[in-house]
PDB file of N, CA and C in Angstrom:
ATOM      1  N   MET A   1       1.804 -19.972   0.832  1.00  0.00           N
ATOM      2  CA  MET A   1       1.337 -18.788   1.528  1.00  0.00           C
ATOM      3  C   MET A   1       0.735 -19.230   2.861  1.00  0.00           C
ATOM      4  N   ARG A   2       1.173 -18.626   3.924  1.00  0.00           N
ATOM      5  CA  ARG A   2       0.594 -18.884   5.234  1.00  0.00           C
ATOM      6  C   ARG A   2      -0.319 -17.729   5.601  1.00  0.00           C
ATOM      7  N   ARG A   3      -1.439 -18.053   6.224  1.00  0.00           N
ATOM      8  CA  ARG A   3      -2.386 -17.020   6.646  1.00  0.00           C
ATOM      9  C   ARG A   3      -2.485 -16.987   8.163  1.00  0.00           C
ATOM     10  N   SER A   4      -2.708 -15.793   8.664  1.00  0.00           N
ATOM     11  CA  SER A   4      -2.998 -15.627  10.075  1.00  0.00           C
ATOM     12  C   SER A   4      -4.511 -15.712  10.246  1.00  0.00           C
ATOM     13  N   ALA A   5      -4.976 -16.695  10.989  1.00  0.00           N
ATOM     14  CA  ALA A   5      -6.417 -16.824  11.220  1.00  0.00           C
ATOM     15  C   ALA A   5      -6.934 -15.632  12.011  1.00  0.00           C
ATOM     16  N   ASP A   6      -6.098 -15.101  12.877  1.00  0.00           N
ATOM     17  CA  ASP A   6      -6.486 -13.975  13.723  1.00  0.00           C
ATOM     18  C   ASP A   6      -6.631 -12.689  12.907  1.00  0.00           C
ATOM     19  N   SER A   7      -5.667 -12.395  12.044  1.00  0.00           N
ATOM     20  CA  SER A   7      -5.685 -11.157  11.267  1.00  0.00           C
ATOM     21  C   SER A   7      -6.331 -11.333   9.904  1.00  0.00           C
ATOM     22  N   ARG A   8      -6.472 -12.567   9.470  1.00  0.00           N
ATOM     23  CA  ARG A   8      -7.032 -12.893   8.156  1.00  0.00           C
ATOM     24  C   ARG A   8      -6.221 -12.248   7.041  1.00  0.00           C
ATOM     25  N   LEU A   9      -4.903 -12.272   7.211  1.00  0.00           N
ATOM     26  CA  LEU A   9      -3.971 -11.718   6.239  1.00  0.00           C
ATOM     27  C   LEU A   9      -2.940 -12.764   5.854  1.00  0.00           C
ATOM     28  N   PRO A  10      -2.441 -12.697   4.620  1.00  0.00           N
ATOM     29  CA  PRO A  10      -1.303 -13.554   4.297  1.00  0.00           C
ATOM     30  C   PRO A  10      -0.074 -13.003   5.019  1.00  0.00           C
ATOM     31  N   LEU A  11       0.607 -13.833   5.781  1.00  0.00           N
ATOM     32  CA  LEU A  11       1.761 -13.364   6.539  1.00  0.00           C
ATOM     33  C   LEU A  11       3.080 -13.700   5.868  1.00  0.00           C
ATOM     34  N   LEU A  12       3.064 -14.661   4.947  1.00  0.00           N
ATOM     35  CA  LEU A  12       4.288 -15.051   4.276  1.00  0.00           C
ATOM     36  C   LEU A  12       3.934 -15.512   2.869  1.00  0.00           C
ATOM     37  N   MET A  13       4.591 -14.926   1.882  1.00  0.00           N
ATOM     38  CA  MET A  13       4.372 -15.349   0.498  1.00  0.00           C
ATOM     39  C   MET A  13       5.712 -15.802  -0.066  1.00  0.00           C
ATOM     40  N   MET A  14       5.698 -16.968  -0.716  1.00  0.00           N
ATOM     41  CA  MET A  14       6.911 -17.519  -1.287  1.00  0.00           C
ATOM     42  C   MET A  14       6.720 -17.748  -2.781  1.00  0.00           C
ATOM     43  N   ASP A  15       7.820 -17.738  -3.516  1.00  0.00           N
ATOM     44  CA  ASP A  15       7.742 -18.031  -4.945  1.00  0.00           C
ATOM     45  C   ASP A  15       7.752 -19.545  -5.155  1.00  0.00           C
ATOM     46  N   GLY A  16       7.729 -19.970  -6.397  1.00  0.00           N
ATOM     47  CA  GLY A  16       7.677 -21.391  -6.718  1.00  0.00           C
ATOM     48  C   GLY A  16       8.886 -22.175  -6.239  1.00  0.00           C
ATOM     49  N   ASP A  17       9.994 -21.472  -5.984  1.00  0.00           N
ATOM     50  CA  ASP A  17      11.203 -22.129  -5.496  1.00  0.00           C
ATOM     51  C   ASP A  17      11.282 -22.152  -3.980  1.00  0.00           C
ATOM     52  N   GLY A  18      10.241 -21.648  -3.314  1.00  0.00           N
ATOM     53  CA  GLY A  18      10.231 -21.653  -1.850  1.00  0.00           C
ATOM     54  C   GLY A  18      10.974 -20.483  -1.225  1.00  0.00           C
ATOM     55  N   GLN A  19      11.356 -19.484  -2.041  1.00  0.00           N
ATOM     56  CA  GLN A  19      12.045 -18.314  -1.514  1.00  0.00           C
ATOM     57  C   GLN A  19      11.014 -17.289  -1.032  1.00  0.00           C
ATOM     58  N   VAL A  20      11.238 -16.737   0.151  1.00  0.00           N
ATOM     59  CA  VAL A  20      10.318 -15.740   0.699  1.00  0.00           C
ATOM     60  C   VAL A  20      10.380 -14.478  -0.154  1.00  0.00           C
ATOM     61  N   GLN A  21       9.221 -14.009  -0.602  1.00  0.00           N
ATOM     62  CA  GLN A  21       9.130 -12.792  -1.400  1.00  0.00           C
ATOM     63  C   GLN A  21       8.524 -11.629  -0.611  1.00  0.00           C
ATOM     64  N   TRP A  22       7.706 -11.939   0.376  1.00  0.00           N
ATOM     65  CA  TRP A  22       7.005 -10.905   1.135  1.00  0.00           C
ATOM     66  C   TRP A  22       6.618 -11.494   2.470  1.00  0.00           C
ATOM     67  N   GLN A  23       6.791 -10.722   3.547  1.00  0.00           N
ATOM     68  CA  GLN A  23       6.484 -11.244   4.873  1.00  0.00           C
ATOM     69  C   GLN A  23       6.017 -10.117   5.787  1.00  0.00           C
ATOM     70  N   VAL A  24       4.940 -10.364   6.513  1.00  0.00           N
ATOM     71  CA  VAL A  24       4.474  -9.419   7.531  1.00  0.00           C
ATOM     72  C   VAL A  24       5.256  -9.703   8.799  1.00  0.00           C
ATOM     73  N   THR A  25       5.868  -8.668   9.347  1.00  0.00           N
ATOM     74  CA  THR A  25       6.640  -8.849  10.576  1.00  0.00           C
ATOM     75  C   THR A  25       5.960  -8.229  11.786  1.00  0.00           C
ATOM     76  N   ALA A  26       4.967  -7.350  11.551  1.00  0.00           N
ATOM     77  CA  ALA A  26       4.238  -6.744  12.659  1.00  0.00           C
ATOM     78  C   ALA A  26       2.874  -6.289  12.157  1.00  0.00           C
ATOM     79  N   ALA A  27       1.909  -6.287  13.050  1.00  0.00           N
ATOM     80  CA  ALA A  27       0.566  -5.820  12.700  1.00  0.00           C
ATOM     81  C   ALA A  27      -0.009  -5.050  13.877  1.00  0.00           C
ATOM     82  N   ASP A  28      -0.676  -3.966  13.571  1.00  0.00           N
ATOM     83  CA  ASP A  28      -1.306  -3.122  14.581  1.00  0.00           C
ATOM     84  C   ASP A  28      -2.806  -3.194  14.350  1.00  0.00           C
ATOM     85  N   LYS A  29      -3.556  -3.610  15.339  1.00  0.00           N
ATOM     86  CA  LYS A  29      -5.002  -3.780  15.164  1.00  0.00           C
ATOM     87  C   LYS A  29      -5.819  -2.593  15.669  1.00  0.00           C
ATOM     88  N   LYS A  30      -5.120  -1.522  16.061  1.00  0.00           N
ATOM     89  CA  LYS A  30      -5.861  -0.341  16.510  1.00  0.00           C
ATOM     90  C   LYS A  30      -6.565   0.296  15.316  1.00  0.00           C
ATOM     91  N   PRO A  31      -7.686   0.962  15.533  1.00  0.00           N
ATOM     92  CA  PRO A  31      -8.390   1.624  14.427  1.00  0.00           C
ATOM     93  C   PRO A  31      -7.504   2.691  13.784  1.00  0.00           C
ATOM     94  N   ALA A  32      -7.621   2.834  12.479  1.00  0.00           N
ATOM     95  CA  ALA A  32      -6.869   3.863  11.762  1.00  0.00           C
ATOM     96  C   ALA A  32      -7.431   5.237  12.119  1.00  0.00           C
ATOM     97  N   THR A  33      -6.551   6.206  12.252  1.00  0.00           N
ATOM     98  CA  THR A  33      -6.985   7.576  12.532  1.00  0.00           C
ATOM     99  C   THR A  33      -7.362   8.261  11.217  1.00  0.00           C
ATOM    100  N   ASP A  34      -8.043   9.378  11.299  1.00  0.00           N
ATOM    101  CA  ASP A  34      -8.410  10.136  10.102  1.00  0.00           C
ATOM    102  C   ASP A  34      -7.173  10.592   9.333  1.00  0.00           C
ATOM    103  N   ALA A  35      -6.053  10.793  10.032  1.00  0.00           N
ATOM    104  CA  ALA A  35      -4.824  11.262   9.386  1.00  0.00           C
ATOM    105  C   ALA A  35      -4.296  10.255   8.363  1.00  0.00           C
ATOM    106  N   VAL A  36      -4.659   9.000   8.519  1.00  0.00           N
ATOM    107  CA  VAL A  36      -4.212   7.981   7.574  1.00  0.00           C
ATOM    108  C   VAL A  36      -4.711   8.295   6.172  1.00  0.00           C
ATOM    109  N   PHE A  37      -5.859   8.907   6.083  1.00  0.00           N
ATOM    110  CA  PHE A  37      -6.484   9.155   4.792  1.00  0.00           C
ATOM    111  C   PHE A  37      -6.309  10.588   4.297  1.00  0.00           C
ATOM    112  N   GLU A  38      -5.492  11.409   4.997  1.00  0.00           N
ATOM    113  CA  GLU A  38      -5.231  12.779   4.554  1.00  0.00           C
ATOM    114  C   GLU A  38      -4.324  12.754   3.336  1.00  0.00           C
ATOM    115  N   VAL A  39      -4.638  13.589   2.374  1.00  0.00           N
ATOM    116  CA  VAL A  39      -3.775  13.730   1.205  1.00  0.00           C
ATOM    117  C   VAL A  39      -2.695  14.743   1.548  1.00  0.00           C
ATOM    118  N   ARG A  40      -1.457  14.324   1.452  1.00  0.00           N
ATOM    119  CA  ARG A  40      -0.324  15.222   1.720  1.00  0.00           C
ATOM    120  C   ARG A  40       0.511  15.274   0.451  1.00  0.00           C
ATOM    121  N   ASP A  41       0.287  16.285  -0.345  1.00  0.00           N
ATOM    122  CA  ASP A  41       0.978  16.357  -1.621  1.00  0.00           C
ATOM    123  C   ASP A  41       1.873  17.588  -1.729  1.00  0.00           C
ATOM    124  N   LEU A  42       2.396  18.060  -0.622  1.00  0.00           N
ATOM    125  CA  LEU A  42       3.303  19.199  -0.641  1.00  0.00           C
ATOM    126  C   LEU A  42       4.565  18.827  -1.406  1.00  0.00           C
ATOM    127  N   GLU A  43       5.068  19.762  -2.168  1.00  0.00           N
ATOM    128  CA  GLU A  43       6.311  19.621  -2.921  1.00  0.00           C
ATOM    129  C   GLU A  43       6.208  18.652  -4.095  1.00  0.00           C
ATOM    130  N   PHE A  44       5.002  18.214  -4.446  1.00  0.00           N
ATOM    131  CA  PHE A  44       4.830  17.402  -5.632  1.00  0.00           C
ATOM    132  C   PHE A  44       4.464  18.318  -6.790  1.00  0.00           C
ATOM    133  N   VAL A  45       4.867  17.950  -7.976  1.00  0.00           N
ATOM    134  CA  VAL A  45       4.535  18.727  -9.168  1.00  0.00           C
ATOM    135  C   VAL A  45       3.085  18.457  -9.532  1.00  0.00           C
ATOM    136  N   ARG A  46       2.330  19.527  -9.718  1.00  0.00           N
ATOM    137  CA  ARG A  46       0.935  19.391 -10.150  1.00  0.00           C
ATOM    138  C   ARG A  46       0.864  19.729 -11.627  1.00  0.00           C
ATOM    139  N   ASN A  47       0.125  18.938 -12.365  1.00  0.00           N
ATOM    140  CA  ASN A  47      -0.115  19.289 -13.759  1.00  0.00           C
ATOM    141  C   ASN A  47      -1.543  18.947 -14.108  1.00  0.00           C
ATOM    142  N   ASP A  48      -1.995  19.554 -15.170  1.00  0.00           N
ATOM    143  CA  ASP A  48      -3.342  19.317 -15.670  1.00  0.00           C
ATOM    144  C   ASP A  48      -3.187  18.583 -16.996  1.00  0.00           C
ATOM    145  N   ALA A  49      -3.288  17.277 -16.959  1.00  0.00           N
ATOM    146  CA  ALA A  49      -3.074  16.475 -18.165  1.00  0.00           C
ATOM    147  C   ALA A  49      -4.047  16.863 -19.263  1.00  0.00           C
ATOM    148  N   GLY A  50      -5.282  17.193 -18.920  1.00  0.00           N
ATOM    149  CA  GLY A  50      -6.259  17.608 -19.915  1.00  0.00           C
ATOM    150  C   GLY A  50      -5.798  18.843 -20.667  1.00  0.00           C
ATOM    151  N   GLN A  51      -5.252  19.799 -19.940  1.00  0.00           N
ATOM    152  CA  GLN A  51      -4.753  21.022 -20.567  1.00  0.00           C
ATOM    153  C   GLN A  51      -3.528  20.705 -21.433  1.00  0.00           C
ATOM    154  N   ASP A  52      -2.662  19.851 -20.957  1.00  0.00           N
ATOM    155  CA  ASP A  52      -1.480  19.456 -21.726  1.00  0.00           C
ATOM    156  C   ASP A  52      -1.891  18.818 -23.046  1.00  0.00           C
ATOM    157  N   ILE A  53      -2.896  17.973 -23.021  1.00  0.00           N
ATOM    158  CA  ILE A  53      -3.337  17.270 -24.215  1.00  0.00           C
ATOM    159  C   ILE A  53      -4.011  18.217 -25.206  1.00  0.00           C
ATOM    160  N   SER A  54      -4.789  19.171 -24.689  1.00  0.00           N
ATOM    161  CA  SER A  54      -5.528  20.084 -25.574  1.00  0.00           C
ATOM    162  C   SER A  54      -4.604  21.075 -26.279  1.00  0.00           C
ATOM    163  N   GLY A  55      -3.389  21.237 -25.780  1.00  0.00           N
ATOM    164  CA  GLY A  55      -2.411  22.124 -26.420  1.00  0.00           C
ATOM    165  C   GLY A  55      -2.620  23.584 -26.139  1.00  0.00           C
ATOM    166  N   GLU A  56      -3.417  23.912 -25.157  1.00  0.00           N
ATOM    167  CA  GLU A  56      -3.661  25.323 -24.825  1.00  0.00           C
ATOM    168  C   GLU A  56      -2.530  25.899 -24.032  1.00  0.00           C
TER     169      GLU A  56
END
């Protein structure tokens, strides 16, 4: 695993055979906007697991 001292992130991860499994190819250091943390769940199925379990 190689680390970027500047970003303090692992930039390349390899398996035991030396094959690349994951690699960072770009990084943006600008602050995240509030939109990054908005929940956007349109068109997803909503269910109430508690209600499903209670059998009501």
